[in-house]
Amino acid sequence: MGKEKQYWLLKTEPGEWSWEDQAANGGVSKWDGVKNKQAQKNMKSMRTGDLCFFYHSGSKARRVVGVVSVVREWYADDSGDSAVDVKAVGEMRRPVDLGEMKKESGLQGCGLFRQPRLSVVPVEKSMWERVCEMGGGFEGDGRADENPEGSC
């Protein structure tokens, strides 16, 4: 019996790698450049099929903007850096801002708030579902675009 799907949040500065960059060219990219030991440990725990919120960090836009899936588990690339490969699944129907998430009582224990500088953050399933609900789901979640109510 396989492991249960896990959920994550991946942070990126939109000036360095944006949702638009991720969605281009088939949507598959190497997620690398992670130096923090805890974030690297989190990457090593990722499994093919896990889902990740794609989060724009930085001063202008701190928000969940899309969803990616892990398509290749942790590996060391040619330069010795660790990486996972992720593929764009879909853009959030409505981006979910950090301030909005902080006001949500069901999200208070989220690692995004406890370790705000961590770039790869585990997300509990209940938190995943709540953020999806707040954003009306994401393109490709199997729900009709005209009916954004319900969970992802």
C-alpha atoms as a PDB file:
ATOM      1  CA  MET A   1       0.000   0.000   0.000  1.00  0.00           C
ATOM      2  CA  GLY A   2       1.456   3.363  -1.035  1.00  0.00           C
ATOM      3  CA  LYS A   3       1.965   6.436   1.043  1.00  0.00           C
ATOM      4  CA  GLU A   4      -0.844   8.941   1.312  1.00  0.00           C
ATOM      5  CA  LYS A   5      -0.530  12.052  -0.838  1.00  0.00           C
ATOM      6  CA  GLN A   6       1.297  14.899   0.871  1.00  0.00           C
ATOM      7  CA  TYR A   7       0.808  18.621   0.415  1.00  0.00           C
ATOM      8  CA  TRP A   8       3.406  21.369   0.308  1.00  0.00           C
ATOM      9  CA  LEU A   9       3.912  25.066  -0.285  1.00  0.00           C
ATOM     10  CA  LEU A  10       6.793  26.195  -2.517  1.00  0.00           C
ATOM     11  CA  LYS A  11       7.877  29.824  -2.283  1.00  0.00           C
ATOM     12  CA  THR A  12       9.424  31.797  -5.097  1.00  0.00           C
ATOM     13  CA  GLU A  13      10.116  35.435  -5.827  1.00  0.00           C
ATOM     14  CA  PRO A  14       8.021  36.260  -8.907  1.00  0.00           C
ATOM     15  CA  GLY A  15      10.895  38.323 -10.334  1.00  0.00           C
ATOM     16  CA  GLU A  16      13.095  35.213 -10.296  1.00  0.00           C
ATOM     17  CA  TRP A  17      10.538  32.506 -11.184  1.00  0.00           C
ATOM     18  CA  SER A  18       6.862  33.371 -11.577  1.00  0.00           C
ATOM     19  CA  TRP A  19       3.745  31.306 -12.113  1.00  0.00           C
ATOM     20  CA  GLU A  20       3.854  32.399 -15.754  1.00  0.00           C
ATOM     21  CA  ASP A  21       7.419  31.035 -16.027  1.00  0.00           C
ATOM     22  CA  GLN A  22       6.311  27.766 -14.436  1.00  0.00           C
ATOM     23  CA  ALA A  23       3.293  27.362 -16.726  1.00  0.00           C
ATOM     24  CA  ALA A  24       5.337  27.987 -19.900  1.00  0.00           C
ATOM     25  CA  ASN A  25       6.982  25.204 -21.918  1.00  0.00           C
ATOM     26  CA  GLY A  26       4.697  22.436 -20.755  1.00  0.00           C
ATOM     27  CA  GLY A  27       4.861  23.512 -17.143  1.00  0.00           C
ATOM     28  CA  VAL A  28       7.682  21.178 -16.004  1.00  0.00           C
ATOM     29  CA  SER A  29      10.696  22.617 -14.213  1.00  0.00           C
ATOM     30  CA  LYS A  30      13.479  21.702 -11.835  1.00  0.00           C
ATOM     31  CA  TRP A  31      12.873  23.171  -8.353  1.00  0.00           C
ATOM     32  CA  ASP A  32      16.353  23.854  -7.045  1.00  0.00           C
ATOM     33  CA  GLY A  33      18.436  26.504  -5.327  1.00  0.00           C
ATOM     34  CA  VAL A  34      17.117  25.534  -1.893  1.00  0.00           C
ATOM     35  CA  LYS A  35      19.916  26.042   0.654  1.00  0.00           C
ATOM     36  CA  ASN A  36      18.127  25.824   4.014  1.00  0.00           C
ATOM     37  CA  LYS A  37      18.654  22.394   5.619  1.00  0.00           C
ATOM     38  CA  GLN A  38      15.048  22.073   6.842  1.00  0.00           C
ATOM     39  CA  ALA A  39      13.702  22.999   3.396  1.00  0.00           C
ATOM     40  CA  GLN A  40      16.047  20.429   1.809  1.00  0.00           C
ATOM     41  CA  LYS A  41      14.804  17.803   4.263  1.00  0.00           C
ATOM     42  CA  ASN A  42      11.244  18.665   3.250  1.00  0.00           C
ATOM     43  CA  MET A  43      12.174  18.266  -0.420  1.00  0.00           C
ATOM     44  CA  LYS A  44      13.611  14.812   0.301  1.00  0.00           C
ATOM     45  CA  SER A  45      10.225  13.842   1.777  1.00  0.00           C
ATOM     46  CA  MET A  46       8.332  14.774  -1.395  1.00  0.00           C
ATOM     47  CA  ARG A  47       6.893  11.936  -3.469  1.00  0.00           C
ATOM     48  CA  THR A  48       5.703  11.744  -7.056  1.00  0.00           C
ATOM     49  CA  GLY A  49       2.089  12.916  -7.169  1.00  0.00           C
ATOM     50  CA  ASP A  50       2.310  15.190  -4.127  1.00  0.00           C
ATOM     51  CA  LEU A  51       0.648  18.562  -4.690  1.00  0.00           C
ATOM     52  CA  CYS A  52       2.238  21.915  -3.892  1.00  0.00           C
ATOM     53  CA  PHE A  53       0.887  25.414  -3.652  1.00  0.00           C
ATOM     54  CA  PHE A  54       2.942  27.749  -5.841  1.00  0.00           C
ATOM     55  CA  TYR A  55       3.447  30.811  -3.628  1.00  0.00           C
ATOM     56  CA  HIS A  56       4.738  34.190  -4.760  1.00  0.00           C
ATOM     57  CA  SER A  57       6.844  35.699  -1.974  1.00  0.00           C
ATOM     58  CA  GLY A  58       8.458  39.105  -1.713  1.00  0.00           C
ATOM     59  CA  SER A  59       7.217  42.535  -0.780  1.00  0.00           C
ATOM     60  CA  LYS A  60       4.671  43.060  -3.553  1.00  0.00           C
ATOM     61  CA  ALA A  61       2.816  39.788  -3.916  1.00  0.00           C
ATOM     62  CA  ARG A  62       2.667  37.295  -1.070  1.00  0.00           C
ATOM     63  CA  ARG A  63       0.015  34.876  -2.229  1.00  0.00           C
ATOM     64  CA  VAL A  64      -0.826  31.390  -3.443  1.00  0.00           C
ATOM     65  CA  VAL A  65      -1.203  31.689  -7.209  1.00  0.00           C
ATOM     66  CA  GLY A  66      -1.210  28.108  -8.491  1.00  0.00           C
ATOM     67  CA  VAL A  67      -0.736  24.396  -7.919  1.00  0.00           C
ATOM     68  CA  VAL A  68       2.089  22.148  -9.109  1.00  0.00           C
ATOM     69  CA  SER A  69       2.629  18.412  -8.710  1.00  0.00           C
ATOM     70  CA  VAL A  70       5.862  16.588  -7.982  1.00  0.00           C
ATOM     71  CA  VAL A  71       6.839  14.606 -11.099  1.00  0.00           C
ATOM     72  CA  ARG A  72      10.373  13.615 -10.047  1.00  0.00           C
ATOM     73  CA  GLU A  73      11.455  12.980  -6.489  1.00  0.00           C
ATOM     74  CA  TRP A  74      14.554  14.446  -4.847  1.00  0.00           C
ATOM     75  CA  TYR A  75      17.835  14.100  -6.723  1.00  0.00           C
ATOM     76  CA  ALA A  76      21.241  15.757  -6.878  1.00  0.00           C
ATOM     77  CA  ASP A  77      21.752  17.611 -10.144  1.00  0.00           C
ATOM     78  CA  ASP A  78      25.020  17.933 -12.085  1.00  0.00           C
ATOM     79  CA  SER A  79      26.180  20.808  -9.879  1.00  0.00           C
ATOM     80  CA  GLY A  80      25.527  18.843  -6.684  1.00  0.00           C
ATOM     81  CA  ASP A  81      22.482  20.900  -5.717  1.00  0.00           C
ATOM     82  CA  SER A  82      19.374  19.056  -4.625  1.00  0.00           C
ATOM     83  CA  ALA A  83      16.188  19.354  -6.655  1.00  0.00           C
ATOM     84  CA  VAL A  84      12.745  17.962  -7.376  1.00  0.00           C
ATOM     85  CA  ASP A  85      10.881  18.371 -10.649  1.00  0.00           C
ATOM     86  CA  VAL A  86       7.415  19.894 -10.566  1.00  0.00           C
ATOM     87  CA  LYS A  87       4.725  20.367 -13.191  1.00  0.00           C
ATOM     88  CA  ALA A  88       2.092  23.089 -13.340  1.00  0.00           C
ATOM     89  CA  VAL A  89      -1.357  21.665 -12.606  1.00  0.00           C
ATOM     90  CA  GLY A  90      -3.421  24.842 -12.632  1.00  0.00           C
ATOM     91  CA  GLU A  91      -3.692  28.475 -11.680  1.00  0.00           C
ATOM     92  CA  MET A  92      -5.782  29.394  -8.645  1.00  0.00           C
ATOM     93  CA  ARG A  93      -9.159  30.733  -9.721  1.00  0.00           C
ATOM     94  CA  ARG A  94      -8.516  33.558  -7.273  1.00  0.00           C
ATOM     95  CA  PRO A  95      -5.093  34.144  -5.679  1.00  0.00           C
ATOM     96  CA  VAL A  96      -5.112  33.758  -1.893  1.00  0.00           C
ATOM     97  CA  ASP A  97      -3.155  36.523  -0.151  1.00  0.00           C
ATOM     98  CA  LEU A  98      -1.005  35.961   2.930  1.00  0.00           C
ATOM     99  CA  GLY A  99      -3.029  38.505   4.936  1.00  0.00           C
ATOM    100  CA  GLU A 100      -6.234  36.675   4.107  1.00  0.00           C
ATOM    101  CA  MET A 101      -4.714  33.362   5.222  1.00  0.00           C
ATOM    102  CA  LYS A 102      -3.465  34.859   8.500  1.00  0.00           C
ATOM    103  CA  LYS A 103      -7.019  35.932   9.363  1.00  0.00           C
ATOM    104  CA  GLU A 104      -8.364  32.406   8.849  1.00  0.00           C
ATOM    105  CA  SER A 105      -8.612  30.626  12.217  1.00  0.00           C
ATOM    106  CA  GLY A 106      -8.234  27.161  10.667  1.00  0.00           C
ATOM    107  CA  LEU A 107      -4.831  28.089   9.256  1.00  0.00           C
ATOM    108  CA  GLN A 108      -3.182  29.383  12.436  1.00  0.00           C
ATOM    109  CA  GLY A 109      -0.841  26.388  12.792  1.00  0.00           C
ATOM    110  CA  CYS A 110       0.427  26.631   9.226  1.00  0.00           C
ATOM    111  CA  GLY A 111       4.198  26.349   8.821  1.00  0.00           C
ATOM    112  CA  LEU A 112       4.076  29.379   6.539  1.00  0.00           C
ATOM    113  CA  PHE A 113       3.417  31.489   9.651  1.00  0.00           C
ATOM    114  CA  ARG A 114       5.655  29.571  12.090  1.00  0.00           C
ATOM    115  CA  GLN A 115       8.704  29.520   9.795  1.00  0.00           C
ATOM    116  CA  PRO A 116       8.110  32.427   7.413  1.00  0.00           C
ATOM    117  CA  ARG A 117      11.538  32.219   5.761  1.00  0.00           C
ATOM    118  CA  LEU A 118      11.303  28.512   4.930  1.00  0.00           C
ATOM    119  CA  SER A 119      10.937  28.044   1.154  1.00  0.00           C
ATOM    120  CA  VAL A 120       9.524  24.489   1.174  1.00  0.00           C
ATOM    121  CA  VAL A 121       6.763  24.090   3.744  1.00  0.00           C
ATOM    122  CA  PRO A 122       4.602  21.035   4.541  1.00  0.00           C
ATOM    123  CA  VAL A 123       0.858  21.727   4.512  1.00  0.00           C
ATOM    124  CA  GLU A 124      -1.720  19.640   6.373  1.00  0.00           C
ATOM    125  CA  LYS A 125      -4.564  18.276   4.259  1.00  0.00           C
ATOM    126  CA  SER A 126      -7.176  20.327   6.157  1.00  0.00           C
ATOM    127  CA  MET A 127      -5.176  23.505   5.509  1.00  0.00           C
ATOM    128  CA  TRP A 128      -4.762  22.541   1.840  1.00  0.00           C
ATOM    129  CA  GLU A 129      -8.508  22.125   1.479  1.00  0.00           C
ATOM    130  CA  ARG A 130      -9.236  25.434   3.228  1.00  0.00           C
ATOM    131  CA  VAL A 131      -6.810  27.446   1.065  1.00  0.00           C
ATOM    132  CA  CYS A 132      -8.248  25.770  -2.048  1.00  0.00           C
ATOM    133  CA  GLU A 133     -11.722  26.733  -0.898  1.00  0.00           C
ATOM    134  CA  MET A 134     -10.633  30.318  -0.234  1.00  0.00           C
ATOM    135  CA  GLY A 135      -9.271  30.551  -3.780  1.00  0.00           C
ATOM    136  CA  GLY A 136     -12.268  28.897  -5.419  1.00  0.00           C
ATOM    137  CA  GLY A 137     -10.103  25.924  -6.399  1.00  0.00           C
ATOM    138  CA  PHE A 138      -7.663  25.845  -9.280  1.00  0.00           C
ATOM    139  CA  GLU A 139      -7.862  25.249 -13.014  1.00  0.00           C
ATOM    140  CA  GLY A 140      -7.660  21.522 -13.640  1.00  0.00           C
ATOM    141  CA  ASP A 141      -9.017  20.434 -10.248  1.00  0.00           C
ATOM    142  CA  GLY A 142     -11.869  18.566 -11.901  1.00  0.00           C
ATOM    143  CA  ARG A 143     -14.512  21.048 -10.846  1.00  0.00           C
ATOM    144  CA  ALA A 144     -16.572  23.023 -13.326  1.00  0.00           C
ATOM    145  CA  ASP A 145     -15.119  26.509 -13.696  1.00  0.00           C
ATOM    146  CA  GLU A 146     -18.559  28.042 -13.321  1.00  0.00           C
ATOM    147  CA  ASN A 147     -19.066  26.258  -9.981  1.00  0.00           C
ATOM    148  CA  PRO A 148     -16.114  27.233  -7.778  1.00  0.00           C
ATOM    149  CA  GLU A 149     -17.791  26.129  -4.520  1.00  0.00           C
ATOM    150  CA  GLY A 150     -16.493  23.110  -2.632  1.00  0.00           C
ATOM    151  CA  SER A 151     -13.060  21.649  -2.055  1.00  0.00           C
ATOM    152  CA  CYS A 152     -10.245  20.985  -4.512  1.00  0.00           C
END
